[in-house]
Amino acid sequence: MISEFRKKKLAKVFNAMDSNGNGVLSKADLEKSFESTIAIQGHKPGSPEYQSGYDKMVTEPSCFSPRVSTTR
């Protein structure tokens, strides 16, 4: 069972990553979230750190089906 605090925290993170607000995390949402995160860290496109982060956050997440919704 997930506590109310964790549910609220998860919803906040989900909503922050859902860039277009449609309730679905798409690859485009992940890419936009990644771009924001990597820019804060100061890594530039083409750097090893950038590519490693992209692979981990955008390419590899097998937990995301083509459509992951908050309404399930």
C-alpha atoms as a PDB file:
ATOM      1  CA  MET A   1       0.000   0.000   0.000  1.00  0.00           C
ATOM      2  CA  ILE A   2       1.346   3.416  -0.916  1.00  0.00           C
ATOM      3  CA  SER A   3       0.973   6.213   1.632  1.00  0.00           C
ATOM      4  CA  GLU A   4      -0.905   9.390   0.737  1.00  0.00           C
ATOM      5  CA  PHE A   5       2.366  11.318   0.962  1.00  0.00           C
ATOM      6  CA  ARG A   6       4.020   9.055  -1.620  1.00  0.00           C
ATOM      7  CA  LYS A   7       0.967   9.236  -3.895  1.00  0.00           C
ATOM      8  CA  LYS A   8       1.110  13.039  -3.827  1.00  0.00           C
ATOM      9  CA  LYS A   9       4.865  13.021  -4.410  1.00  0.00           C
ATOM     10  CA  LEU A  10       4.556  10.613  -7.339  1.00  0.00           C
ATOM     11  CA  ALA A  11       1.731  12.664  -8.866  1.00  0.00           C
ATOM     12  CA  LYS A  12       3.846  15.829  -8.575  1.00  0.00           C
ATOM     13  CA  VAL A  13       6.820  14.197 -10.322  1.00  0.00           C
ATOM     14  CA  PHE A  14       4.566  12.696 -13.001  1.00  0.00           C
ATOM     15  CA  ASN A  15       2.902  16.046 -13.672  1.00  0.00           C
ATOM     16  CA  ALA A  16       6.285  17.768 -13.885  1.00  0.00           C
ATOM     17  CA  MET A  17       7.431  15.242 -16.502  1.00  0.00           C
ATOM     18  CA  ASP A  18       4.144  15.339 -18.456  1.00  0.00           C
ATOM     19  CA  SER A  19       5.160  18.429 -20.420  1.00  0.00           C
ATOM     20  CA  ASN A  20       1.979  18.762 -22.479  1.00  0.00           C
ATOM     21  CA  GLY A  21      -0.374  17.892 -19.607  1.00  0.00           C
ATOM     22  CA  ASN A  22      -2.219  15.109 -21.423  1.00  0.00           C
ATOM     23  CA  GLY A  23      -1.835  12.545 -18.612  1.00  0.00           C
ATOM     24  CA  VAL A  24       0.506  10.363 -20.683  1.00  0.00           C
ATOM     25  CA  LEU A  25       4.300  10.146 -20.424  1.00  0.00           C
ATOM     26  CA  SER A  26       5.546   9.906 -23.980  1.00  0.00           C
ATOM     27  CA  LYS A  27       9.069   9.678 -25.334  1.00  0.00           C
ATOM     28  CA  ALA A  28       8.801  13.392 -26.161  1.00  0.00           C
ATOM     29  CA  ASP A  29       7.980  14.119 -22.487  1.00  0.00           C
ATOM     30  CA  LEU A  30      10.997  12.082 -21.373  1.00  0.00           C
ATOM     31  CA  GLU A  31      13.243  13.875 -23.854  1.00  0.00           C
ATOM     32  CA  LYS A  32      12.063  17.294 -22.670  1.00  0.00           C
ATOM     33  CA  SER A  33      12.560  16.327 -19.027  1.00  0.00           C
ATOM     34  CA  PHE A  34      16.006  14.955 -19.847  1.00  0.00           C
ATOM     35  CA  GLU A  35      16.980  18.151 -21.699  1.00  0.00           C
ATOM     36  CA  SER A  36      16.028  20.235 -18.657  1.00  0.00           C
ATOM     37  CA  THR A  37      17.910  17.979 -16.251  1.00  0.00           C
ATOM     38  CA  ILE A  38      21.055  17.701 -18.342  1.00  0.00           C
ATOM     39  CA  ALA A  39      21.162  21.468 -18.954  1.00  0.00           C
ATOM     40  CA  ILE A  40      21.113  22.077 -15.194  1.00  0.00           C
ATOM     41  CA  GLN A  41      24.031  19.673 -14.835  1.00  0.00           C
ATOM     42  CA  GLY A  42      25.964  21.550 -17.514  1.00  0.00           C
ATOM     43  CA  HIS A  43      26.459  18.678 -19.958  1.00  0.00           C
ATOM     44  CA  LYS A  44      26.408  19.469 -23.674  1.00  0.00           C
ATOM     45  CA  PRO A  45      24.909  17.367 -26.477  1.00  0.00           C
ATOM     46  CA  GLY A  46      27.551  14.995 -27.804  1.00  0.00           C
ATOM     47  CA  SER A  47      29.408  14.644 -24.503  1.00  0.00           C
ATOM     48  CA  PRO A  48      29.751  11.178 -22.926  1.00  0.00           C
ATOM     49  CA  GLU A  49      27.731  12.330 -19.904  1.00  0.00           C
ATOM     50  CA  TYR A  50      24.936  13.577 -22.156  1.00  0.00           C
ATOM     51  CA  GLN A  51      24.764  10.339 -24.128  1.00  0.00           C
ATOM     52  CA  SER A  52      24.896   8.180 -21.007  1.00  0.00           C
ATOM     53  CA  GLY A  53      22.072  10.155 -19.406  1.00  0.00           C
ATOM     54  CA  TYR A  54      20.001  10.053 -22.584  1.00  0.00           C
ATOM     55  CA  ASP A  55      20.410   6.306 -22.850  1.00  0.00           C
ATOM     56  CA  LYS A  56      19.357   5.782 -19.224  1.00  0.00           C
ATOM     57  CA  MET A  57      16.430   8.197 -19.159  1.00  0.00           C
ATOM     58  CA  VAL A  58      15.015   8.098 -22.675  1.00  0.00           C
ATOM     59  CA  THR A  59      16.229   5.021 -24.537  1.00  0.00           C
ATOM     60  CA  GLU A  60      16.319   2.263 -21.912  1.00  0.00           C
ATOM     61  CA  PRO A  61      13.245   2.684 -19.673  1.00  0.00           C
ATOM     62  CA  SER A  62      11.447  -0.563 -20.414  1.00  0.00           C
ATOM     63  CA  CYS A  63       8.995   0.210 -17.617  1.00  0.00           C
ATOM     64  CA  PHE A  64       7.266   2.675 -19.957  1.00  0.00           C
ATOM     65  CA  SER A  65       4.806   1.190 -22.362  1.00  0.00           C
ATOM     66  CA  PRO A  66       3.948   3.282 -25.421  1.00  0.00           C
ATOM     67  CA  ARG A  67       1.180   4.824 -23.316  1.00  0.00           C
ATOM     68  CA  VAL A  68       1.503   5.225 -19.542  1.00  0.00           C
ATOM     69  CA  SER A  69      -1.454   7.038 -18.048  1.00  0.00           C
ATOM     70  CA  THR A  70      -2.432   8.364 -14.643  1.00  0.00           C
ATOM     71  CA  THR A  71      -6.003   7.241 -15.230  1.00  0.00           C
ATOM     72  CA  ARG A  72      -5.331   3.493 -14.842  1.00  0.00           C
END
